[in-house]
Amino acid sequence: MSNTGHILPEQKMPKLIVVAAFNRGDEGDLQPAFDPRQMQSEHAAIRLAKMIEDHHAGVIAWSREANPAIGAYGEPTILYQSGEVPDME
């Protein structure tokens, strides 16, 4: 049996999936409501963001391909956003 012509698919980087929420501080500036939460799936991130959106000035769920071991990060993709959130850097 020959393996000729069998090409392994390009390995995709793992995804970093995060939910962050923000509240207004005493001076009106946006501040993180809690440390960003890493999620297991995009679906779970969107569900959490929708559950907490009424309790914060803003909430965002986003993902990006990431391989922290080699410092490789893709562009962030917004999965869900509600209210006021700071610009993503």
PDB file of N, CA and C in Angstrom:
ATOM      1  N   MET A   1       0.851  -1.188   0.000  1.00  0.00           N
ATOM      2  CA  MET A   1       0.000   0.000   0.000  1.00  0.00           C
ATOM      3  C   MET A   1       0.886   1.237   0.000  1.00  0.00           C
ATOM      4  N   SER A   2       0.630   2.167  -0.867  1.00  0.00           N
ATOM      5  CA  SER A   2       1.468   3.352  -1.025  1.00  0.00           C
ATOM      6  C   SER A   2       0.782   4.578  -0.437  1.00  0.00           C
ATOM      7  N   ASN A   3       1.581   5.423   0.179  1.00  0.00           N
ATOM      8  CA  ASN A   3       1.057   6.690   0.717  1.00  0.00           C
ATOM      9  C   ASN A   3       1.277   7.836  -0.255  1.00  0.00           C
ATOM     10  N   THR A   4       1.692   7.544  -1.466  1.00  0.00           N
ATOM     11  CA  THR A   4       1.943   8.580  -2.454  1.00  0.00           C
ATOM     12  C   THR A   4       0.664   9.391  -2.696  1.00  0.00           C
ATOM     13  N   GLY A   5       0.830  10.687  -2.695  1.00  0.00           N
ATOM     14  CA  GLY A   5      -0.315  11.553  -2.944  1.00  0.00           C
ATOM     15  C   GLY A   5      -1.138  11.864  -1.709  1.00  0.00           C
ATOM     16  N   HIS A   6      -0.800  11.227  -0.583  1.00  0.00           N
ATOM     17  CA  HIS A   6      -1.551  11.499   0.650  1.00  0.00           C
ATOM     18  C   HIS A   6      -0.910  12.689   1.355  1.00  0.00           C
ATOM     19  N   ILE A   7      -1.604  13.786   1.397  1.00  0.00           N
ATOM     20  CA  ILE A   7      -1.078  15.011   2.012  1.00  0.00           C
ATOM     21  C   ILE A   7      -1.869  15.291   3.280  1.00  0.00           C
ATOM     22  N   LEU A   8      -1.134  15.529   4.361  1.00  0.00           N
ATOM     23  CA  LEU A   8      -1.812  15.870   5.615  1.00  0.00           C
ATOM     24  C   LEU A   8      -2.412  17.255   5.505  1.00  0.00           C
ATOM     25  N   PRO A   9      -3.623  17.434   5.984  1.00  0.00           N
ATOM     26  CA  PRO A   9      -4.213  18.783   5.947  1.00  0.00           C
ATOM     27  C   PRO A   9      -3.411  19.715   6.838  1.00  0.00           C
ATOM     28  N   GLU A  10      -3.406  20.983   6.452  1.00  0.00           N
ATOM     29  CA  GLU A  10      -2.695  21.981   7.244  1.00  0.00           C
ATOM     30  C   GLU A  10      -3.331  22.052   8.627  1.00  0.00           C
ATOM     31  N   GLN A  11      -2.499  21.959   9.640  1.00  0.00           N
ATOM     32  CA  GLN A  11      -3.030  21.961  11.009  1.00  0.00           C
ATOM     33  C   GLN A  11      -3.464  23.370  11.387  1.00  0.00           C
ATOM     34  N   LYS A  12      -4.689  23.488  11.856  1.00  0.00           N
ATOM     35  CA  LYS A  12      -5.210  24.794  12.261  1.00  0.00           C
ATOM     36  C   LYS A  12      -4.731  25.116  13.674  1.00  0.00           C
ATOM     37  N   MET A  13      -4.521  26.387  13.903  1.00  0.00           N
ATOM     38  CA  MET A  13      -4.146  26.806  15.245  1.00  0.00           C
ATOM     39  C   MET A  13      -5.368  26.691  16.150  1.00  0.00           C
ATOM     40  N   PRO A  14      -5.137  26.432  17.442  1.00  0.00           N
ATOM     41  CA  PRO A  14      -6.274  26.413  18.369  1.00  0.00           C
ATOM     42  C   PRO A  14      -6.890  27.802  18.472  1.00  0.00           C
ATOM     43  N   LYS A  15      -8.145  27.836  18.894  1.00  0.00           N
ATOM     44  CA  LYS A  15      -8.835  29.122  19.040  1.00  0.00           C
ATOM     45  C   LYS A  15      -8.837  29.572  20.484  1.00  0.00           C
ATOM     46  N   LEU A  16      -8.603  30.854  20.666  1.00  0.00           N
ATOM     47  CA  LEU A  16      -8.764  31.511  21.956  1.00  0.00           C
ATOM     48  C   LEU A  16     -10.139  32.162  21.904  1.00  0.00           C
ATOM     49  N   ILE A  17     -11.021  31.805  22.838  1.00  0.00           N
ATOM     50  CA  ILE A  17     -12.394  32.325  22.857  1.00  0.00           C
ATOM     51  C   ILE A  17     -12.600  32.997  24.202  1.00  0.00           C
ATOM     52  N   VAL A  18     -12.999  34.266  24.177  1.00  0.00           N
ATOM     53  CA  VAL A  18     -13.017  35.084  25.391  1.00  0.00           C
ATOM     54  C   VAL A  18     -14.319  35.868  25.509  1.00  0.00           C
ATOM     55  N   VAL A  19     -14.778  36.035  26.761  1.00  0.00           N
ATOM     56  CA  VAL A  19     -15.884  36.941  27.081  1.00  0.00           C
ATOM     57  C   VAL A  19     -15.354  37.976  28.050  1.00  0.00           C
ATOM     58  N   ALA A  20     -15.636  39.249  27.765  1.00  0.00           N
ATOM     59  CA  ALA A  20     -15.237  40.339  28.654  1.00  0.00           C
ATOM     60  C   ALA A  20     -16.438  41.259  28.848  1.00  0.00           C
ATOM     61  N   ALA A  21     -16.540  41.824  30.050  1.00  0.00           N
ATOM     62  CA  ALA A  21     -17.624  42.760  30.354  1.00  0.00           C
ATOM     63  C   ALA A  21     -17.020  44.027  30.945  1.00  0.00           C
ATOM     64  N   PHE A  22     -17.730  45.133  30.765  1.00  0.00           N
ATOM     65  CA  PHE A  22     -17.231  46.436  31.209  1.00  0.00           C
ATOM     66  C   PHE A  22     -18.320  47.208  31.927  1.00  0.00           C
ATOM     67  N   ASN A  23     -17.910  47.968  32.940  1.00  0.00           N
ATOM     68  CA  ASN A  23     -18.791  48.868  33.669  1.00  0.00           C
ATOM     69  C   ASN A  23     -18.183  50.259  33.622  1.00  0.00           C
ATOM     70  N   ARG A  24     -18.991  51.269  33.906  1.00  0.00           N
ATOM     71  CA  ARG A  24     -18.498  52.640  33.975  1.00  0.00           C
ATOM     72  C   ARG A  24     -17.958  52.901  35.374  1.00  0.00           C
ATOM     73  N   GLY A  25     -16.755  53.488  35.432  1.00  0.00           N
ATOM     74  CA  GLY A  25     -16.154  53.858  36.699  1.00  0.00           C
ATOM     75  C   GLY A  25     -16.757  55.150  37.228  1.00  0.00           C
ATOM     76  N   ASP A  26     -16.285  55.612  38.383  1.00  0.00           N
ATOM     77  CA  ASP A  26     -16.793  56.837  39.002  1.00  0.00           C
ATOM     78  C   ASP A  26     -16.639  58.054  38.096  1.00  0.00           C
ATOM     79  N   GLU A  27     -15.622  58.038  37.248  1.00  0.00           N
ATOM     80  CA  GLU A  27     -15.382  59.166  36.342  1.00  0.00           C
ATOM     81  C   GLU A  27     -15.965  58.935  34.956  1.00  0.00           C
ATOM     82  N   GLY A  28     -16.760  57.869  34.804  1.00  0.00           N
ATOM     83  CA  GLY A  28     -17.443  57.605  33.550  1.00  0.00           C
ATOM     84  C   GLY A  28     -16.654  56.798  32.536  1.00  0.00           C
ATOM     85  N   ASP A  29     -15.443  56.383  32.905  1.00  0.00           N
ATOM     86  CA  ASP A  29     -14.636  55.613  31.964  1.00  0.00           C
ATOM     87  C   ASP A  29     -14.978  54.124  32.059  1.00  0.00           C
ATOM     88  N   LEU A  30     -14.812  53.424  30.939  1.00  0.00           N
ATOM     89  CA  LEU A  30     -15.086  51.986  30.915  1.00  0.00           C
ATOM     90  C   LEU A  30     -13.966  51.231  31.615  1.00  0.00           C
ATOM     91  N   GLN A  31     -14.357  50.323  32.496  1.00  0.00           N
ATOM     92  CA  GLN A  31     -13.398  49.504  33.229  1.00  0.00           C
ATOM     93  C   GLN A  31     -13.851  48.052  33.160  1.00  0.00           C
ATOM     94  N   PRO A  32     -12.892  47.111  33.123  1.00  0.00           N
ATOM     95  CA  PRO A  32     -13.288  45.696  33.109  1.00  0.00           C
ATOM     96  C   PRO A  32     -14.109  45.348  34.353  1.00  0.00           C
ATOM     97  N   ALA A  33     -15.205  44.629  34.154  1.00  0.00           N
ATOM     98  CA  ALA A  33     -16.053  44.206  35.275  1.00  0.00           C
ATOM     99  C   ALA A  33     -15.437  43.005  35.984  1.00  0.00           C
ATOM    100  N   PHE A  34     -14.638  42.224  35.242  1.00  0.00           N
ATOM    101  CA  PHE A  34     -13.949  41.047  35.781  1.00  0.00           C
ATOM    102  C   PHE A  34     -12.842  40.690  34.803  1.00  0.00           C
ATOM    103  N   ASP A  35     -11.947  39.810  35.209  1.00  0.00           N
ATOM    104  CA  ASP A  35     -10.908  39.341  34.289  1.00  0.00           C
ATOM    105  C   ASP A  35     -11.579  38.641  33.116  1.00  0.00           C
ATOM    106  N   PRO A  36     -11.070  38.844  31.900  1.00  0.00           N
ATOM    107  CA  PRO A  36     -11.664  38.152  30.740  1.00  0.00           C
ATOM    108  C   PRO A  36     -11.732  36.651  30.989  1.00  0.00           C
ATOM    109  N   ARG A  37     -12.837  36.061  30.588  1.00  0.00           N
ATOM    110  CA  ARG A  37     -13.055  34.625  30.813  1.00  0.00           C
ATOM    111  C   ARG A  37     -12.826  33.854  29.527  1.00  0.00           C
ATOM    112  N   GLN A  38     -11.921  32.893  29.586  1.00  0.00           N
ATOM    113  CA  GLN A  38     -11.689  32.035  28.433  1.00  0.00           C
ATOM    114  C   GLN A  38     -12.780  30.972  28.401  1.00  0.00           C
ATOM    115  N   MET A  39     -13.345  30.755  27.220  1.00  0.00           N
ATOM    116  CA  MET A  39     -14.462  29.839  27.055  1.00  0.00           C
ATOM    117  C   MET A  39     -14.043  28.645  26.207  1.00  0.00           C
ATOM    118  N   GLN A  40     -14.802  27.544  26.330  1.00  0.00           N
ATOM    119  CA  GLN A  40     -14.500  26.310  25.607  1.00  0.00           C
ATOM    120  C   GLN A  40     -15.014  26.322  24.168  1.00  0.00           C
ATOM    121  N   SER A  41     -16.060  27.118  23.905  1.00  0.00           N
ATOM    122  CA  SER A  41     -16.622  27.143  22.552  1.00  0.00           C
ATOM    123  C   SER A  41     -17.202  28.521  22.263  1.00  0.00           C
ATOM    124  N   GLU A  42     -17.348  28.818  20.977  1.00  0.00           N
ATOM    125  CA  GLU A  42     -17.954  30.089  20.582  1.00  0.00           C
ATOM    126  C   GLU A  42     -19.406  30.145  21.038  1.00  0.00           C
ATOM    127  N   HIS A  43     -20.104  29.024  20.957  1.00  0.00           N
ATOM    128  CA  HIS A  43     -21.500  28.975  21.385  1.00  0.00           C
ATOM    129  C   HIS A  43     -21.624  29.317  22.871  1.00  0.00           C
ATOM    130  N   ALA A  44     -20.746  28.748  23.693  1.00  0.00           N
ATOM    131  CA  ALA A  44     -20.779  29.028  25.139  1.00  0.00           C
ATOM    132  C   ALA A  44     -20.453  30.494  25.415  1.00  0.00           C
ATOM    133  N   ALA A  45     -19.534  31.065  24.649  1.00  0.00           N
ATOM    134  CA  ALA A  45     -19.165  32.467  24.838  1.00  0.00           C
ATOM    135  C   ALA A  45     -20.336  33.393  24.522  1.00  0.00           C
ATOM    136  N   ILE A  46     -21.018  33.127  23.421  1.00  0.00           N
ATOM    137  CA  ILE A  46     -22.172  33.947  23.041  1.00  0.00           C
ATOM    138  C   ILE A  46     -23.280  33.808  24.082  1.00  0.00           C
ATOM    139  N   ARG A  47     -23.519  32.594  24.542  1.00  0.00           N
ATOM    140  CA  ARG A  47     -24.561  32.358  25.552  1.00  0.00           C
ATOM    141  C   ARG A  47     -24.263  33.129  26.832  1.00  0.00           C
ATOM    142  N   LEU A  48     -23.004  33.075  27.314  1.00  0.00           N
ATOM    143  CA  LEU A  48     -22.639  33.809  28.524  1.00  0.00           C
ATOM    144  C   LEU A  48     -22.782  35.312  28.321  1.00  0.00           C
ATOM    145  N   ALA A  49     -22.315  35.819  27.187  1.00  0.00           N
ATOM    146  CA  ALA A  49     -22.403  37.255  26.916  1.00  0.00           C
ATOM    147  C   ALA A  49     -23.855  37.733  26.955  1.00  0.00           C
ATOM    148  N   LYS A  50     -24.750  36.961  26.367  1.00  0.00           N
ATOM    149  CA  LYS A  50     -26.170  37.329  26.366  1.00  0.00           C
ATOM    150  C   LYS A  50     -26.769  37.262  27.773  1.00  0.00           C
ATOM    151  N   MET A  51     -26.281  36.312  28.583  1.00  0.00           N
ATOM    152  CA  MET A  51     -26.816  36.170  29.949  1.00  0.00           C
ATOM    153  C   MET A  51     -26.426  37.352  30.842  1.00  0.00           C
ATOM    154  N   ILE A  52     -25.241  37.933  30.616  1.00  0.00           N
ATOM    155  CA  ILE A  52     -24.754  38.977  31.525  1.00  0.00           C
ATOM    156  C   ILE A  52     -24.886  40.390  30.969  1.00  0.00           C
ATOM    157  N   GLU A  53     -25.352  40.536  29.738  1.00  0.00           N
ATOM    158  CA  GLU A  53     -25.364  41.857  29.110  1.00  0.00           C
ATOM    159  C   GLU A  53     -26.215  42.888  29.861  1.00  0.00           C
ATOM    160  N   ASP A  54     -27.275  42.468  30.521  1.00  0.00           N
ATOM    161  CA  ASP A  54     -28.136  43.420  31.237  1.00  0.00           C
ATOM    162  C   ASP A  54     -27.513  43.923  32.538  1.00  0.00           C
ATOM    163  N   HIS A  55     -26.412  43.316  32.954  1.00  0.00           N
ATOM    164  CA  HIS A  55     -25.782  43.676  34.227  1.00  0.00           C
ATOM    165  C   HIS A  55     -24.544  44.548  34.059  1.00  0.00           C
ATOM    166  N   HIS A  56     -24.187  44.893  32.812  1.00  0.00           N
ATOM    167  CA  HIS A  56     -22.961  45.643  32.547  1.00  0.00           C
ATOM    168  C   HIS A  56     -23.203  46.708  31.484  1.00  0.00           C
ATOM    169  N   ALA A  57     -22.316  47.716  31.459  1.00  0.00           N
ATOM    170  CA  ALA A  57     -22.412  48.768  30.441  1.00  0.00           C
ATOM    171  C   ALA A  57     -22.145  48.206  29.050  1.00  0.00           C
ATOM    172  N   GLY A  58     -21.320  47.161  28.997  1.00  0.00           N
ATOM    173  CA  GLY A  58     -21.014  46.537  27.723  1.00  0.00           C
ATOM    174  C   GLY A  58     -20.441  45.154  27.919  1.00  0.00           C
ATOM    175  N   VAL A  59     -20.628  44.326  26.915  1.00  0.00           N
ATOM    176  CA  VAL A  59     -20.096  42.967  26.954  1.00  0.00           C
ATOM    177  C   VAL A  59     -19.685  42.568  25.540  1.00  0.00           C
ATOM    178  N   ILE A  60     -18.622  41.781  25.452  1.00  0.00           N
ATOM    179  CA  ILE A  60     -18.144  41.329  24.154  1.00  0.00           C
ATOM    180  C   ILE A  60     -17.655  39.892  24.267  1.00  0.00           C
ATOM    181  N   ALA A  61     -17.980  39.108  23.257  1.00  0.00           N
ATOM    182  CA  ALA A  61     -17.443  37.752  23.112  1.00  0.00           C
ATOM    183  C   ALA A  61     -16.661  37.761  21.805  1.00  0.00           C
ATOM    184  N   TRP A  62     -15.429  37.276  21.839  1.00  0.00           N
ATOM    185  CA  TRP A  62     -14.608  37.275  20.635  1.00  0.00           C
ATOM    186  C   TRP A  62     -13.716  36.050  20.605  1.00  0.00           C
ATOM    187  N   SER A  63     -13.203  35.768  19.420  1.00  0.00           N
ATOM    188  CA  SER A  63     -12.295  34.635  19.268  1.00  0.00           C
ATOM    189  C   SER A  63     -11.179  35.025  18.312  1.00  0.00           C
ATOM    190  N   ARG A  64     -10.100  34.283  18.399  1.00  0.00           N
ATOM    191  CA  ARG A  64      -9.000  34.419  17.451  1.00  0.00           C
ATOM    192  C   ARG A  64      -8.191  33.144  17.481  1.00  0.00           C
ATOM    193  N   GLU A  65      -7.608  32.811  16.358  1.00  0.00           N
ATOM    194  CA  GLU A  65      -6.694  31.689  16.326  1.00  0.00           C
ATOM    195  C   GLU A  65      -5.468  32.100  17.122  1.00  0.00           C
ATOM    196  N   ALA A  66      -4.971  31.201  17.956  1.00  0.00           N
ATOM    197  CA  ALA A  66      -3.857  31.559  18.820  1.00  0.00           C
ATOM    198  C   ALA A  66      -2.994  30.354  19.134  1.00  0.00           C
ATOM    199  N   ASN A  67      -1.699  30.574  19.114  1.00  0.00           N
ATOM    200  CA  ASN A  67      -0.743  29.575  19.572  1.00  0.00           C
ATOM    201  C   ASN A  67       0.259  30.312  20.453  1.00  0.00           C
ATOM    202  N   PRO A  68      -0.097  30.510  21.745  1.00  0.00           N
ATOM    203  CA  PRO A  68       0.764  31.297  22.640  1.00  0.00           C
ATOM    204  C   PRO A  68       2.171  30.723  22.768  1.00  0.00           C
ATOM    205  N   ALA A  69       2.331  29.425  22.566  1.00  0.00           N
ATOM    206  CA  ALA A  69       3.652  28.800  22.706  1.00  0.00           C
ATOM    207  C   ALA A  69       4.661  29.395  21.727  1.00  0.00           C
ATOM    208  N   ILE A  70       4.177  29.794  20.549  1.00  0.00           N
ATOM    209  CA  ILE A  70       5.082  30.391  19.567  1.00  0.00           C
ATOM    210  C   ILE A  70       4.768  31.864  19.316  1.00  0.00           C
ATOM    211  N   GLY A  71       3.835  32.434  20.100  1.00  0.00           N
ATOM    212  CA  GLY A  71       3.491  33.847  19.970  1.00  0.00           C
ATOM    213  C   GLY A  71       2.727  34.185  18.703  1.00  0.00           C
ATOM    214  N   ALA A  72       1.981  33.236  18.160  1.00  0.00           N
ATOM    215  CA  ALA A  72       1.216  33.468  16.934  1.00  0.00           C
ATOM    216  C   ALA A  72      -0.252  33.708  17.267  1.00  0.00           C
ATOM    217  N   TYR A  73      -0.761  34.848  16.811  1.00  0.00           N
ATOM    218  CA  TYR A  73      -2.157  35.205  17.062  1.00  0.00           C
ATOM    219  C   TYR A  73      -2.788  35.717  15.781  1.00  0.00           C
ATOM    220  N   GLY A  74      -4.001  35.241  15.490  1.00  0.00           N
ATOM    221  CA  GLY A  74      -4.745  35.728  14.340  1.00  0.00           C
ATOM    222  C   GLY A  74      -5.525  36.986  14.703  1.00  0.00           C
ATOM    223  N   GLU A  75      -6.230  37.506  13.722  1.00  0.00           N
ATOM    224  CA  GLU A  75      -7.071  38.681  13.946  1.00  0.00           C
ATOM    225  C   GLU A  75      -8.291  38.295  14.791  1.00  0.00           C
ATOM    226  N   PRO A  76      -8.674  39.151  15.746  1.00  0.00           N
ATOM    227  CA  PRO A  76      -9.867  38.834  16.542  1.00  0.00           C
ATOM    228  C   PRO A  76     -11.144  38.946  15.707  1.00  0.00           C
ATOM    229  N   THR A  77     -12.082  38.059  15.991  1.00  0.00           N
ATOM    230  CA  THR A  77     -13.395  38.071  15.359  1.00  0.00           C
ATOM    231  C   THR A  77     -14.431  38.265  16.449  1.00  0.00           C
ATOM    232  N   ILE A  78     -15.262  39.286  16.324  1.00  0.00           N
ATOM    233  CA  ILE A  78     -16.307  39.539  17.321  1.00  0.00           C
ATOM    234  C   ILE A  78     -17.447  38.562  17.071  1.00  0.00           C
ATOM    235  N   LEU A  79     -17.776  37.804  18.125  1.00  0.00           N
ATOM    236  CA  LEU A  79     -18.868  36.835  18.050  1.00  0.00           C
ATOM    237  C   LEU A  79     -20.183  37.468  18.479  1.00  0.00           C
ATOM    238  N   TYR A  80     -20.111  38.341  19.487  1.00  0.00           N
ATOM    239  CA  TYR A  80     -21.301  39.004  20.027  1.00  0.00           C
ATOM    240  C   TYR A  80     -20.843  40.251  20.764  1.00  0.00           C
ATOM    241  N   GLN A  81     -21.568  41.346  20.595  1.00  0.00           N
ATOM    242  CA  GLN A  81     -21.240  42.580  21.301  1.00  0.00           C
ATOM    243  C   GLN A  81     -22.521  43.306  21.639  1.00  0.00           C
ATOM    244  N   SER A  82     -22.558  43.852  22.862  1.00  0.00           N
ATOM    245  CA  SER A  82     -23.725  44.606  23.301  1.00  0.00           C
ATOM    246  C   SER A  82     -23.242  45.754  24.171  1.00  0.00           C
ATOM    247  N   GLY A  83     -23.860  46.901  24.018  1.00  0.00           N
ATOM    248  CA  GLY A  83     -23.505  48.059  24.847  1.00  0.00           C
ATOM    249  C   GLY A  83     -22.174  48.663  24.447  1.00  0.00           C
ATOM    250  N   GLU A  84     -21.524  49.293  25.426  1.00  0.00           N
ATOM    251  CA  GLU A  84     -20.283  50.001  25.173  1.00  0.00           C
ATOM    252  C   GLU A  84     -19.076  49.160  25.565  1.00  0.00           C
ATOM    253  N   VAL A  85     -18.167  48.991  24.614  1.00  0.00           N
ATOM    254  CA  VAL A  85     -16.927  48.265  24.892  1.00  0.00           C
ATOM    255  C   VAL A  85     -15.778  49.076  24.287  1.00  0.00           C
ATOM    256  N   PRO A  86     -14.587  48.997  24.894  1.00  0.00           N
ATOM    257  CA  PRO A  86     -13.462  49.710  24.324  1.00  0.00           C
ATOM    258  C   PRO A  86     -13.051  49.108  22.976  1.00  0.00           C
ATOM    259  N   ASP A  87     -12.324  49.879  22.188  1.00  0.00           N
ATOM    260  CA  ASP A  87     -11.815  49.363  20.910  1.00  0.00           C
ATOM    261  C   ASP A  87     -10.877  48.207  21.183  1.00  0.00           C
ATOM    262  N   MET A  88     -10.949  47.179  20.335  1.00  0.00           N
ATOM    263  CA  MET A  88     -10.030  46.054  20.463  1.00  0.00           C
ATOM    264  C   MET A  88      -8.693  46.456  19.866  1.00  0.00           C
ATOM    265  N   GLU A  89      -7.628  46.110  20.559  1.00  0.00           N
ATOM    266  CA  GLU A  89      -6.288  46.453  20.076  1.00  0.00           C
ATOM    267  C   GLU A  89      -5.680  45.293  19.342  1.00  0.00           C
TER     268      GLU A  89
END
